[in-house]
Amino acid sequence: MIKILFVCHGNICRSPMAEFVFKDMVKKAGLENDFFIDSAATSTEEIGNNIHRGTLRKLESVGIHGSSHIARQIAKSDFDNFDYIIGMEDYNVYNIKRFYGINDSKNDKANKKIFKLLDLTDNKRNIDDPWYTGDFDTTYDDILKGLNALLEFVKSKNNS
Protein backbone atom coordinates (compact mmCIF):
# COMPACT_ATOMS: atom_id res chain seq x y z
CA MET A 1 0.00 0.00 0.00
CA ILE A 2 1.25 3.47 -0.93
CA LYS A 3 0.69 6.01 1.82
CA ILE A 4 0.53 9.69 0.87
CA LEU A 5 0.11 12.68 3.18
CA PHE A 6 -0.70 16.09 1.70
CA VAL A 7 0.31 19.05 3.83
CA CYS A 8 -0.44 22.77 3.81
CA HIS A 9 -0.43 25.48 6.47
CA GLY A 10 -3.87 24.97 8.05
CA ASN A 11 -5.26 21.76 6.51
CA ILE A 12 -8.53 23.40 5.49
CA CYS A 13 -7.87 24.49 1.88
CA ARG A 14 -5.10 23.03 -0.29
CA SER A 15 -4.14 19.79 1.44
CA PRO A 16 -7.71 18.51 1.92
CA MET A 17 -8.46 19.52 -1.67
CA ALA A 18 -5.50 17.40 -2.78
CA GLU A 19 -6.56 14.57 -0.46
CA PHE A 20 -10.13 14.32 -1.74
CA VAL A 21 -9.30 14.87 -5.41
CA PHE A 22 -6.56 12.21 -5.26
CA LYS A 23 -8.89 9.76 -3.49
CA ASP A 24 -11.37 10.33 -6.32
CA MET A 25 -8.67 9.87 -8.97
CA VAL A 26 -7.35 6.58 -7.59
CA LYS A 27 -10.90 5.28 -7.11
CA LYS A 28 -11.75 6.06 -10.74
CA ALA A 29 -8.51 4.34 -11.79
CA GLY A 30 -9.48 1.22 -9.81
CA LEU A 31 -6.50 1.71 -7.47
CA GLU A 32 -8.25 2.75 -4.27
CA ASN A 33 -7.11 -0.40 -2.42
CA ASP A 34 -3.49 0.41 -3.28
CA PHE A 35 -3.44 3.77 -1.50
CA PHE A 36 -3.91 5.32 1.90
CA ILE A 37 -4.36 9.10 1.49
CA ASP A 38 -4.61 11.73 4.20
CA SER A 39 -3.85 15.40 4.81
CA ALA A 40 -2.51 17.53 7.64
CA ALA A 41 -1.29 20.99 8.62
CA THR A 42 2.06 22.36 9.65
CA SER A 43 0.40 24.83 12.03
CA THR A 44 -2.04 24.42 14.90
CA GLU A 45 -4.26 27.33 13.83
CA GLU A 46 -7.11 25.34 12.30
CA ILE A 47 -6.96 22.04 14.23
CA GLY A 48 -10.46 20.61 14.64
CA ASN A 49 -11.99 22.89 12.01
CA ASN A 50 -13.92 21.72 8.98
CA ILE A 51 -12.77 22.13 5.42
CA HIS A 52 -12.88 25.75 4.14
CA ARG A 53 -16.23 26.56 2.51
CA GLY A 54 -14.45 27.69 -0.70
CA THR A 55 -12.66 24.35 -0.94
CA LEU A 56 -15.87 22.49 -0.22
CA ARG A 57 -17.74 24.44 -2.91
CA LYS A 58 -14.99 23.76 -5.46
CA LEU A 59 -14.92 20.06 -4.66
CA GLU A 60 -18.71 19.82 -4.90
CA SER A 61 -18.64 21.62 -8.26
CA VAL A 62 -16.55 18.76 -9.67
CA GLY A 63 -18.62 16.04 -7.99
CA ILE A 64 -16.32 15.31 -5.04
CA HIS A 65 -17.50 15.32 -1.42
CA GLY A 66 -15.14 16.44 1.33
CA SER A 67 -17.48 17.39 4.14
CA SER A 68 -16.15 14.73 6.52
CA HIS A 69 -12.75 16.43 6.86
CA ILE A 70 -11.48 17.73 10.21
CA ALA A 71 -8.14 19.60 10.22
CA ARG A 72 -5.21 18.03 12.06
CA GLN A 73 -1.54 18.82 12.49
CA ILE A 74 1.23 16.55 11.23
CA ALA A 75 2.40 14.06 13.84
CA LYS A 76 5.86 12.69 14.58
CA SER A 77 4.61 9.22 13.59
CA ASP A 78 3.63 10.46 10.10
CA PHE A 79 7.26 10.47 8.96
CA ASP A 80 7.53 6.70 9.37
CA ASN A 81 3.91 5.94 8.49
CA PHE A 82 3.80 7.68 5.09
CA ASP A 83 5.80 6.98 1.94
CA TYR A 84 5.36 10.56 0.68
CA ILE A 85 4.71 13.78 2.58
CA ILE A 86 3.81 16.39 -0.01
CA GLY A 87 3.65 20.12 0.66
CA MET A 88 1.94 22.74 -1.43
CA GLU A 89 4.67 25.40 -1.24
CA ASP A 90 8.28 25.98 -0.16
CA TYR A 91 7.19 27.23 3.25
CA ASN A 92 5.24 23.99 3.90
CA VAL A 93 8.24 21.85 2.97
CA TYR A 94 10.51 23.96 5.16
CA ASN A 95 8.11 23.60 8.12
CA ILE A 96 7.63 19.86 7.56
CA LYS A 97 11.39 19.29 7.63
CA ARG A 98 11.76 21.55 10.65
CA PHE A 99 8.99 19.63 12.45
CA TYR A 100 10.88 16.38 11.85
CA GLY A 101 14.26 17.89 12.76
CA ILE A 102 15.67 17.50 9.25
CA ASN A 103 18.36 20.14 8.83
CA ASP A 104 20.44 18.62 6.07
CA SER A 105 19.26 19.42 2.54
CA LYS A 106 21.27 16.40 1.35
CA ASN A 107 19.21 13.98 3.47
CA ASP A 108 18.26 11.54 0.68
CA LYS A 109 15.54 9.74 2.64
CA ALA A 110 13.82 13.02 3.47
CA ASN A 111 14.23 14.46 -0.03
CA LYS A 112 12.66 11.37 -1.62
CA LYS A 113 9.78 11.51 0.84
CA ILE A 114 9.15 15.25 1.33
CA PHE A 115 8.62 17.55 -1.65
CA LYS A 116 6.20 20.03 -3.23
CA LEU A 117 3.31 18.68 -5.30
CA LEU A 118 4.23 20.71 -8.39
CA ASP A 119 7.85 19.49 -8.21
CA LEU A 120 6.63 16.50 -10.21
CA THR A 121 5.50 18.71 -13.10
CA ASP A 122 7.32 20.78 -15.70
CA ASN A 123 6.24 23.89 -13.80
CA LYS A 124 7.94 23.50 -10.41
CA ARG A 125 6.43 26.23 -8.28
CA ASN A 126 4.25 26.88 -5.26
CA ILE A 127 0.50 26.37 -5.19
CA ASP A 128 -1.00 29.62 -3.96
CA ASP A 129 -3.11 29.54 -0.83
CA PRO A 130 -6.74 30.36 -1.69
CA TRP A 131 -7.26 31.48 1.91
CA TYR A 132 -5.41 34.62 0.79
CA THR A 133 -6.12 34.73 -2.95
CA GLY A 134 -9.78 33.68 -2.83
CA ASP A 135 -9.10 31.83 -6.10
CA PHE A 136 -10.12 28.22 -5.45
CA ASP A 137 -10.40 27.50 -9.18
CA THR A 138 -6.71 28.17 -9.87
CA THR A 139 -5.74 26.24 -6.74
CA TYR A 140 -7.81 23.30 -7.96
CA ASP A 141 -6.24 23.46 -11.45
CA ASP A 142 -2.73 23.51 -9.96
CA ILE A 143 -3.50 20.67 -7.58
CA LEU A 144 -5.01 18.61 -10.40
CA LYS A 145 -1.83 19.07 -12.50
CA GLY A 146 0.29 17.98 -9.58
CA LEU A 147 -1.92 15.01 -8.76
CA ASN A 148 -1.88 13.74 -12.34
CA ALA A 149 1.93 13.89 -12.24
CA LEU A 150 1.96 12.24 -8.80
CA LEU A 151 -0.21 9.35 -9.95
CA GLU A 152 2.07 8.73 -12.94
CA PHE A 153 5.16 9.03 -10.72
CA VAL A 154 3.86 6.55 -8.15
CA LYS A 155 2.67 4.09 -10.80
CA SER A 156 6.05 4.20 -12.55
CA LYS A 157 7.94 3.73 -9.25
CA ASN A 158 5.83 0.72 -8.35
CA ASN A 159 6.00 -0.91 -11.78
CA SER A 160 9.80 -0.91 -11.83
C-alpha atoms as a PDB file:
ATOM      1  CA  MET A   1       0.000   0.000   0.000  1.00  0.00           C
ATOM      2  CA  ILE A   2       1.249   3.465  -0.932  1.00  0.00           C
ATOM      3  CA  LYS A   3       0.691   6.015   1.818  1.00  0.00           C
ATOM      4  CA  ILE A   4       0.527   9.692   0.875  1.00  0.00           C
ATOM      5  CA  LEU A   5       0.112  12.682   3.182  1.00  0.00           C
ATOM      6  CA  PHE A   6      -0.703  16.094   1.697  1.00  0.00           C
ATOM      7  CA  VAL A   7       0.307  19.054   3.832  1.00  0.00           C
ATOM      8  CA  CYS A   8      -0.438  22.773   3.812  1.00  0.00           C
ATOM      9  CA  HIS A   9      -0.433  25.475   6.470  1.00  0.00           C
ATOM     10  CA  GLY A  10      -3.870  24.972   8.045  1.00  0.00           C
ATOM     11  CA  ASN A  11      -5.260  21.761   6.509  1.00  0.00           C
ATOM     12  CA  ILE A  12      -8.529  23.401   5.494  1.00  0.00           C
ATOM     13  CA  CYS A  13      -7.870  24.486   1.876  1.00  0.00           C
ATOM     14  CA  ARG A  14      -5.099  23.027  -0.294  1.00  0.00           C
ATOM     15  CA  SER A  15      -4.142  19.788   1.445  1.00  0.00           C
ATOM     16  CA  PRO A  16      -7.707  18.508   1.920  1.00  0.00           C
ATOM     17  CA  MET A  17      -8.461  19.521  -1.671  1.00  0.00           C
ATOM     18  CA  ALA A  18      -5.502  17.398  -2.782  1.00  0.00           C
ATOM     19  CA  GLU A  19      -6.561  14.567  -0.461  1.00  0.00           C
ATOM     20  CA  PHE A  20     -10.132  14.317  -1.737  1.00  0.00           C
ATOM     21  CA  VAL A  21      -9.296  14.867  -5.413  1.00  0.00           C
ATOM     22  CA  PHE A  22      -6.556  12.213  -5.258  1.00  0.00           C
ATOM     23  CA  LYS A  23      -8.887   9.762  -3.495  1.00  0.00           C
ATOM     24  CA  ASP A  24     -11.366  10.330  -6.322  1.00  0.00           C
ATOM     25  CA  MET A  25      -8.669   9.872  -8.974  1.00  0.00           C
ATOM     26  CA  VAL A  26      -7.352   6.577  -7.593  1.00  0.00           C
ATOM     27  CA  LYS A  27     -10.904   5.280  -7.108  1.00  0.00           C
ATOM     28  CA  LYS A  28     -11.750   6.059 -10.743  1.00  0.00           C
ATOM     29  CA  ALA A  29      -8.509   4.340 -11.792  1.00  0.00           C
ATOM     30  CA  GLY A  30      -9.479   1.224  -9.809  1.00  0.00           C
ATOM     31  CA  LEU A  31      -6.502   1.713  -7.474  1.00  0.00           C
ATOM     32  CA  GLU A  32      -8.253   2.751  -4.267  1.00  0.00           C
ATOM     33  CA  ASN A  33      -7.110  -0.395  -2.423  1.00  0.00           C
ATOM     34  CA  ASP A  34      -3.490   0.407  -3.285  1.00  0.00           C
ATOM     35  CA  PHE A  35      -3.440   3.768  -1.500  1.00  0.00           C
ATOM     36  CA  PHE A  36      -3.908   5.324   1.902  1.00  0.00           C
ATOM     37  CA  ILE A  37      -4.361   9.096   1.488  1.00  0.00           C
ATOM     38  CA  ASP A  38      -4.608  11.727   4.205  1.00  0.00           C
ATOM     39  CA  SER A  39      -3.845  15.396   4.808  1.00  0.00           C
ATOM     40  CA  ALA A  40      -2.511  17.532   7.641  1.00  0.00           C
ATOM     41  CA  ALA A  41      -1.293  20.992   8.622  1.00  0.00           C
ATOM     42  CA  THR A  42       2.058  22.358   9.653  1.00  0.00           C
ATOM     43  CA  SER A  43       0.395  24.826  12.030  1.00  0.00           C
ATOM     44  CA  THR A  44      -2.037  24.419  14.902  1.00  0.00           C
ATOM     45  CA  GLU A  45      -4.261  27.327  13.833  1.00  0.00           C
ATOM     46  CA  GLU A  46      -7.108  25.337  12.303  1.00  0.00           C
ATOM     47  CA  ILE A  47      -6.960  22.039  14.227  1.00  0.00           C
ATOM     48  CA  GLY A  48     -10.460  20.613  14.638  1.00  0.00           C
ATOM     49  CA  ASN A  49     -11.993  22.891  12.012  1.00  0.00           C
ATOM     50  CA  ASN A  50     -13.919  21.720   8.978  1.00  0.00           C
ATOM     51  CA  ILE A  51     -12.766  22.133   5.417  1.00  0.00           C
ATOM     52  CA  HIS A  52     -12.877  25.747   4.144  1.00  0.00           C
ATOM     53  CA  ARG A  53     -16.226  26.565   2.509  1.00  0.00           C
ATOM     54  CA  GLY A  54     -14.450  27.691  -0.696  1.00  0.00           C
ATOM     55  CA  THR A  55     -12.656  24.348  -0.945  1.00  0.00           C
ATOM     56  CA  LEU A  56     -15.868  22.490  -0.218  1.00  0.00           C
ATOM     57  CA  ARG A  57     -17.740  24.439  -2.909  1.00  0.00           C
ATOM     58  CA  LYS A  58     -14.988  23.761  -5.458  1.00  0.00           C
ATOM     59  CA  LEU A  59     -14.922  20.055  -4.660  1.00  0.00           C
ATOM     60  CA  GLU A  60     -18.712  19.816  -4.897  1.00  0.00           C
ATOM     61  CA  SER A  61     -18.641  21.622  -8.261  1.00  0.00           C
ATOM     62  CA  VAL A  62     -16.547  18.760  -9.673  1.00  0.00           C
ATOM     63  CA  GLY A  63     -18.618  16.039  -7.987  1.00  0.00           C
ATOM     64  CA  ILE A  64     -16.318  15.306  -5.037  1.00  0.00           C
ATOM     65  CA  HIS A  65     -17.501  15.318  -1.424  1.00  0.00           C
ATOM     66  CA  GLY A  66     -15.138  16.436   1.334  1.00  0.00           C
ATOM     67  CA  SER A  67     -17.483  17.387   4.136  1.00  0.00           C
ATOM     68  CA  SER A  68     -16.154  14.732   6.520  1.00  0.00           C
ATOM     69  CA  HIS A  69     -12.750  16.426   6.857  1.00  0.00           C
ATOM     70  CA  ILE A  70     -11.475  17.729  10.215  1.00  0.00           C
ATOM     71  CA  ALA A  71      -8.140  19.601  10.224  1.00  0.00           C
ATOM     72  CA  ARG A  72      -5.208  18.033  12.057  1.00  0.00           C
ATOM     73  CA  GLN A  73      -1.536  18.822  12.491  1.00  0.00           C
ATOM     74  CA  ILE A  74       1.229  16.545  11.233  1.00  0.00           C
ATOM     75  CA  ALA A  75       2.402  14.065  13.840  1.00  0.00           C
ATOM     76  CA  LYS A  76       5.862  12.687  14.580  1.00  0.00           C
ATOM     77  CA  SER A  77       4.615   9.221  13.585  1.00  0.00           C
ATOM     78  CA  ASP A  78       3.629  10.458  10.102  1.00  0.00           C
ATOM     79  CA  PHE A  79       7.261  10.474   8.961  1.00  0.00           C
ATOM     80  CA  ASP A  80       7.529   6.700   9.374  1.00  0.00           C
ATOM     81  CA  ASN A  81       3.908   5.936   8.485  1.00  0.00           C
ATOM     82  CA  PHE A  82       3.799   7.684   5.089  1.00  0.00           C
ATOM     83  CA  ASP A  83       5.799   6.985   1.936  1.00  0.00           C
ATOM     84  CA  TYR A  84       5.356  10.556   0.682  1.00  0.00           C
ATOM     85  CA  ILE A  85       4.714  13.781   2.579  1.00  0.00           C
ATOM     86  CA  ILE A  86       3.813  16.389  -0.005  1.00  0.00           C
ATOM     87  CA  GLY A  87       3.653  20.116   0.662  1.00  0.00           C
ATOM     88  CA  MET A  88       1.940  22.739  -1.427  1.00  0.00           C
ATOM     89  CA  GLU A  89       4.673  25.403  -1.242  1.00  0.00           C
ATOM     90  CA  ASP A  90       8.283  25.976  -0.159  1.00  0.00           C
ATOM     91  CA  TYR A  91       7.187  27.230   3.252  1.00  0.00           C
ATOM     92  CA  ASN A  92       5.244  23.994   3.902  1.00  0.00           C
ATOM     93  CA  VAL A  93       8.239  21.850   2.966  1.00  0.00           C
ATOM     94  CA  TYR A  94      10.510  23.958   5.163  1.00  0.00           C
ATOM     95  CA  ASN A  95       8.109  23.600   8.120  1.00  0.00           C
ATOM     96  CA  ILE A  96       7.635  19.856   7.558  1.00  0.00           C
ATOM     97  CA  LYS A  97      11.392  19.292   7.629  1.00  0.00           C
ATOM     98  CA  ARG A  98      11.763  21.545  10.647  1.00  0.00           C
ATOM     99  CA  PHE A  99       8.989  19.635  12.446  1.00  0.00           C
ATOM    100  CA  TYR A 100      10.880  16.380  11.854  1.00  0.00           C
ATOM    101  CA  GLY A 101      14.258  17.889  12.763  1.00  0.00           C
ATOM    102  CA  ILE A 102      15.668  17.503   9.254  1.00  0.00           C
ATOM    103  CA  ASN A 103      18.357  20.144   8.829  1.00  0.00           C
ATOM    104  CA  ASP A 104      20.439  18.616   6.074  1.00  0.00           C
ATOM    105  CA  SER A 105      19.263  19.418   2.540  1.00  0.00           C
ATOM    106  CA  LYS A 106      21.274  16.404   1.346  1.00  0.00           C
ATOM    107  CA  ASN A 107      19.208  13.979   3.468  1.00  0.00           C
ATOM    108  CA  ASP A 108      18.261  11.542   0.680  1.00  0.00           C
ATOM    109  CA  LYS A 109      15.544   9.738   2.637  1.00  0.00           C
ATOM    110  CA  ALA A 110      13.820  13.025   3.474  1.00  0.00           C
ATOM    111  CA  ASN A 111      14.229  14.464  -0.031  1.00  0.00           C
ATOM    112  CA  LYS A 112      12.655  11.375  -1.623  1.00  0.00           C
ATOM    113  CA  LYS A 113       9.781  11.511   0.842  1.00  0.00           C
ATOM    114  CA  ILE A 114       9.153  15.247   1.332  1.00  0.00           C
ATOM    115  CA  PHE A 115       8.624  17.551  -1.652  1.00  0.00           C
ATOM    116  CA  LYS A 116       6.195  20.028  -3.225  1.00  0.00           C
ATOM    117  CA  LEU A 117       3.310  18.684  -5.298  1.00  0.00           C
ATOM    118  CA  LEU A 118       4.227  20.710  -8.386  1.00  0.00           C
ATOM    119  CA  ASP A 119       7.852  19.487  -8.209  1.00  0.00           C
ATOM    120  CA  LEU A 120       6.628  16.497 -10.206  1.00  0.00           C
ATOM    121  CA  THR A 121       5.499  18.709 -13.101  1.00  0.00           C
ATOM    122  CA  ASP A 122       7.322  20.775 -15.701  1.00  0.00           C
ATOM    123  CA  ASN A 123       6.239  23.894 -13.797  1.00  0.00           C
ATOM    124  CA  LYS A 124       7.943  23.496 -10.412  1.00  0.00           C
ATOM    125  CA  ARG A 125       6.427  26.235  -8.283  1.00  0.00           C
ATOM    126  CA  ASN A 126       4.250  26.885  -5.262  1.00  0.00           C
ATOM    127  CA  ILE A 127       0.496  26.369  -5.191  1.00  0.00           C
ATOM    128  CA  ASP A 128      -1.000  29.620  -3.960  1.00  0.00           C
ATOM    129  CA  ASP A 129      -3.112  29.541  -0.825  1.00  0.00           C
ATOM    130  CA  PRO A 130      -6.736  30.355  -1.693  1.00  0.00           C
ATOM    131  CA  TRP A 131      -7.262  31.480   1.907  1.00  0.00           C
ATOM    132  CA  TYR A 132      -5.409  34.624   0.794  1.00  0.00           C
ATOM    133  CA  THR A 133      -6.121  34.732  -2.949  1.00  0.00           C
ATOM    134  CA  GLY A 134      -9.777  33.681  -2.828  1.00  0.00           C
ATOM    135  CA  ASP A 135      -9.102  31.826  -6.101  1.00  0.00           C
ATOM    136  CA  PHE A 136     -10.116  28.222  -5.448  1.00  0.00           C
ATOM    137  CA  ASP A 137     -10.401  27.497  -9.184  1.00  0.00           C
ATOM    138  CA  THR A 138      -6.708  28.174  -9.873  1.00  0.00           C
ATOM    139  CA  THR A 139      -5.738  26.243  -6.745  1.00  0.00           C
ATOM    140  CA  TYR A 140      -7.809  23.299  -7.964  1.00  0.00           C
ATOM    141  CA  ASP A 141      -6.241  23.457 -11.446  1.00  0.00           C
ATOM    142  CA  ASP A 142      -2.728  23.510  -9.964  1.00  0.00           C
ATOM    143  CA  ILE A 143      -3.497  20.670  -7.581  1.00  0.00           C
ATOM    144  CA  LEU A 144      -5.005  18.608 -10.401  1.00  0.00           C
ATOM    145  CA  LYS A 145      -1.833  19.070 -12.503  1.00  0.00           C
ATOM    146  CA  GLY A 146       0.291  17.982  -9.577  1.00  0.00           C
ATOM    147  CA  LEU A 147      -1.923  15.012  -8.759  1.00  0.00           C
ATOM    148  CA  ASN A 148      -1.877  13.738 -12.340  1.00  0.00           C
ATOM    149  CA  ALA A 149       1.927  13.886 -12.244  1.00  0.00           C
ATOM    150  CA  LEU A 150       1.959  12.241  -8.804  1.00  0.00           C
ATOM    151  CA  LEU A 151      -0.205   9.352  -9.954  1.00  0.00           C
ATOM    152  CA  GLU A 152       2.068   8.728 -12.939  1.00  0.00           C
ATOM    153  CA  PHE A 153       5.160   9.034 -10.724  1.00  0.00           C
ATOM    154  CA  VAL A 154       3.856   6.551  -8.151  1.00  0.00           C
ATOM    155  CA  LYS A 155       2.667   4.091 -10.795  1.00  0.00           C
ATOM    156  CA  SER A 156       6.052   4.197 -12.554  1.00  0.00           C
ATOM    157  CA  LYS A 157       7.943   3.725  -9.248  1.00  0.00           C
ATOM    158  CA  ASN A 158       5.831   0.719  -8.352  1.00  0.00           C
ATOM    159  CA  ASN A 159       5.996  -0.909 -11.782  1.00  0.00           C
ATOM    160  CA  SER A 160       9.795  -0.911 -11.834  1.00  0.00           C
END
